[in-house]
Amino acid sequence: MIEFLKKILLAVELFFVVLMVHWDKILFLAIVALDQFVKAKIVATMVPGESIPIVQNFFHITYVLNPGAAFGILPNQRIFFLIAGAILIVMATYFYPKIPRKENVLKFGAISLVSGATANLIDRVQSGLVVDFLDFKSWPVFNIADVAIVLGMFVMVYVILFKMDAPQNLKTSAKELES
């Protein structure tokens, strides 16, 4: 029994080590997988336009096929969105490794943004339309990927504007101006 518990503890420890080292990859996969799983369930169980009230007149699950970007802007621009999504993924692949190791919050924002964009890009490649379903009746219908994109953007802007250290050459220039 003691040996079995040791093996369990070793497995848990290994899990946490992998999680700590690869949290960003796990987060990316989790967001994309969750978004795609829920969208697949919506598509399999509902028809476009169908709405299921969760909290009457406040929150519904409403199946919408969105041909545009967030809130339906730029409808029917599939090629543009495919190219923009591909460029975003290429840029993220290039720049993400350059984010300093200590900037985990910035990394979280970048992963959130890119995973949401990737999840919506999967929809666009498959059908040219993005499946939206979260319907707060006073706001356009959106999806989990959209939440990840918006959250990622807010986090990145916040960190860049208020939390990141300015590059050393900017600090030096600021000190020279004060003199």
Protein backbone atom coordinates (compact mmCIF):
# COMPACT_ATOMS: atom_id res chain seq x y z
CA MET A 1 0.00 0.00 0.00
CA ILE A 2 2.85 2.42 0.83
CA GLU A 3 4.45 1.77 -2.58
CA PHE A 4 1.14 2.49 -4.30
CA LEU A 5 0.79 5.80 -2.44
CA LYS A 6 4.36 6.72 -3.33
CA LYS A 7 3.58 6.10 -7.00
CA ILE A 8 0.44 8.23 -6.75
CA LEU A 9 2.38 11.06 -5.09
CA LEU A 10 5.11 10.79 -7.72
CA ALA A 11 2.48 10.98 -10.49
CA VAL A 12 0.88 14.04 -8.86
CA GLU A 13 4.28 15.68 -8.48
CA LEU A 14 5.12 14.95 -12.12
CA PHE A 15 1.75 16.39 -13.18
CA PHE A 16 2.47 19.65 -11.33
CA VAL A 17 6.00 19.88 -12.71
CA VAL A 18 4.67 19.46 -16.26
CA LEU A 19 1.91 21.97 -15.51
CA MET A 20 4.38 24.54 -14.18
CA VAL A 21 6.79 24.10 -17.07
CA HIS A 22 4.20 23.85 -19.85
CA TRP A 23 1.26 25.82 -18.42
CA ASP A 24 1.11 28.03 -21.49
CA LYS A 25 0.77 25.11 -23.91
CA ILE A 26 -1.81 23.47 -21.66
CA LEU A 27 -3.78 26.72 -21.44
CA PHE A 28 -3.68 27.13 -25.21
CA LEU A 29 -4.95 23.58 -25.80
CA ALA A 30 -7.58 23.87 -23.07
CA ILE A 31 -9.11 27.06 -24.49
CA VAL A 32 -9.16 25.75 -28.06
CA ALA A 33 -10.52 22.35 -26.99
CA LEU A 34 -13.21 23.80 -24.71
CA ASP A 35 -14.35 26.25 -27.38
CA GLN A 36 -14.47 23.60 -30.10
CA PHE A 37 -16.17 21.05 -27.84
CA VAL A 38 -18.96 23.43 -26.83
CA LYS A 39 -19.42 24.62 -30.42
CA ALA A 40 -19.69 20.99 -31.60
CA LYS A 41 -22.37 20.34 -28.96
CA ILE A 42 -24.29 23.45 -30.04
CA VAL A 43 -24.14 22.45 -33.71
CA ALA A 44 -25.18 18.85 -32.92
CA THR A 45 -28.12 19.70 -30.68
CA MET A 46 -29.54 23.00 -31.95
CA VAL A 47 -30.57 24.62 -35.20
CA PRO A 48 -29.35 28.08 -36.22
CA GLY A 49 -31.48 30.75 -34.58
CA GLU A 50 -32.66 28.47 -31.78
CA SER A 51 -32.45 30.02 -28.33
CA ILE A 52 -32.62 28.29 -24.95
CA PRO A 53 -33.28 30.61 -21.99
CA ILE A 54 -30.98 29.98 -19.05
CA VAL A 55 -31.95 33.12 -17.10
CA GLN A 56 -35.11 34.51 -18.72
CA ASN A 57 -34.58 37.84 -20.51
CA PHE A 58 -30.95 37.97 -19.36
CA PHE A 59 -28.88 35.00 -20.59
CA HIS A 60 -29.72 32.50 -23.31
CA ILE A 61 -27.81 29.92 -25.32
CA THR A 62 -28.56 31.07 -28.86
CA TYR A 63 -27.07 29.34 -31.90
CA VAL A 64 -25.83 31.96 -34.37
CA LEU A 65 -23.61 31.50 -37.43
CA ASN A 66 -21.48 34.63 -37.66
CA PRO A 67 -19.99 35.45 -41.09
CA GLY A 68 -17.97 38.36 -39.67
CA ALA A 69 -15.73 39.29 -36.79
CA ALA A 70 -16.80 40.10 -33.26
CA PHE A 71 -20.34 41.46 -33.13
CA GLY A 72 -20.81 40.67 -36.81
CA ILE A 73 -18.56 43.44 -38.13
CA LEU A 74 -17.00 42.94 -41.58
CA PRO A 75 -19.45 40.22 -42.66
CA ASN A 76 -18.52 37.79 -45.45
CA GLN A 77 -14.81 38.61 -45.44
CA ARG A 78 -13.67 34.98 -45.07
CA ILE A 79 -10.40 35.34 -47.00
CA PHE A 80 -9.44 38.43 -45.00
CA PHE A 81 -10.10 36.64 -41.69
CA LEU A 82 -8.23 33.51 -42.79
CA ILE A 83 -5.19 35.57 -43.79
CA ALA A 84 -5.36 37.74 -40.64
CA GLY A 85 -5.67 34.66 -38.43
CA ALA A 86 -2.73 32.96 -40.12
CA ILE A 87 -0.61 36.11 -39.79
CA LEU A 88 -1.51 36.39 -36.08
CA ILE A 89 -0.46 32.79 -35.46
CA VAL A 90 2.82 33.25 -37.35
CA MET A 91 3.58 36.48 -35.47
CA ALA A 92 2.73 34.87 -32.12
CA THR A 93 4.97 31.91 -32.93
CA TYR A 94 7.82 34.32 -33.65
CA PHE A 95 7.31 36.84 -30.81
CA TYR A 96 6.03 34.64 -27.95
CA PRO A 97 9.45 33.10 -27.19
CA LYS A 98 10.85 36.65 -26.92
CA ILE A 99 8.57 37.55 -24.00
CA PRO A 100 10.78 37.60 -20.89
CA ARG A 101 10.39 34.55 -18.64
CA LYS A 102 9.26 36.68 -15.68
CA GLU A 103 6.34 38.21 -17.66
CA ASN A 104 3.87 35.38 -17.00
CA VAL A 105 0.84 37.69 -16.99
CA LEU A 106 1.80 39.02 -20.43
CA LYS A 107 2.30 35.43 -21.59
CA PHE A 108 -1.16 34.57 -20.24
CA GLY A 109 -2.66 37.42 -22.26
CA ALA A 110 -0.82 36.41 -25.43
CA ILE A 111 -1.84 32.74 -25.07
CA SER A 112 -5.43 33.71 -24.38
CA LEU A 113 -5.55 35.95 -27.46
CA VAL A 114 -3.90 33.45 -29.78
CA SER A 115 -5.92 30.47 -28.55
CA GLY A 116 -9.18 32.36 -29.09
CA ALA A 117 -8.09 33.46 -32.55
CA THR A 118 -7.06 29.90 -33.37
CA ALA A 119 -10.39 28.46 -32.21
CA ASN A 120 -12.35 30.93 -34.36
CA LEU A 121 -9.95 30.32 -37.27
CA ILE A 122 -10.80 26.61 -37.09
CA ASP A 123 -14.47 27.53 -37.60
CA ARG A 124 -13.63 29.80 -40.53
CA VAL A 125 -11.54 27.11 -42.23
CA GLN A 126 -14.29 24.51 -41.76
CA SER A 127 -17.31 26.50 -42.89
CA GLY A 128 -16.45 30.17 -43.32
CA LEU A 129 -18.71 30.96 -40.36
CA VAL A 130 -18.04 31.22 -36.63
CA VAL A 131 -20.44 29.51 -34.22
CA ASP A 132 -21.60 31.97 -31.54
CA PHE A 133 -23.89 30.98 -28.67
CA LEU A 134 -23.43 33.08 -25.50
CA ASP A 135 -26.35 35.49 -25.57
CA PHE A 136 -26.67 38.16 -22.91
CA LYS A 137 -29.78 39.72 -24.38
CA SER A 138 -28.39 43.28 -24.32
CA TRP A 139 -25.15 42.34 -26.12
CA PRO A 140 -24.37 40.66 -29.46
CA VAL A 141 -24.02 36.85 -29.30
CA PHE A 142 -20.42 35.62 -28.85
CA ASN A 143 -18.45 32.47 -27.95
CA ILE A 144 -15.70 31.20 -25.65
CA ALA A 145 -12.98 32.08 -28.18
CA ASP A 146 -14.23 35.67 -28.27
CA VAL A 147 -13.99 35.84 -24.47
CA ALA A 148 -10.40 34.56 -24.66
CA ILE A 149 -9.51 37.13 -27.34
CA VAL A 150 -10.96 40.07 -25.41
CA LEU A 151 -9.48 38.89 -22.10
CA GLY A 152 -6.08 38.40 -23.75
CA MET A 153 -6.15 41.88 -25.29
CA PHE A 154 -7.14 43.55 -22.01
CA VAL A 155 -4.45 41.69 -20.07
CA MET A 156 -1.76 42.47 -22.64
CA VAL A 157 -2.65 46.18 -22.86
CA TYR A 158 -2.78 46.44 -19.06
CA VAL A 159 0.60 44.76 -18.60
CA ILE A 160 2.25 46.74 -21.38
CA LEU A 161 0.90 50.09 -20.15
CA PHE A 162 1.11 49.66 -16.39
CA LYS A 163 3.24 46.71 -15.32
CA MET A 164 6.15 46.16 -17.67
CA ASP A 165 9.48 47.80 -17.04
CA ALA A 166 10.44 50.24 -19.76
CA PRO A 167 13.40 49.14 -21.85
CA GLN A 168 16.71 50.35 -20.40
CA ASN A 169 17.33 52.86 -23.22
CA LEU A 170 13.98 54.56 -22.47
CA LYS A 171 14.84 54.77 -18.77
CA THR A 172 18.16 56.39 -19.65
CA SER A 173 16.47 58.88 -21.99
CA ALA A 174 13.93 59.79 -19.29
CA LYS A 175 16.70 60.43 -16.77
CA GLU A 176 18.53 62.64 -19.27
CA LEU A 177 15.35 64.67 -19.80
CA GLU A 178 14.98 65.21 -16.05
CA SER A 179 18.52 66.62 -15.82
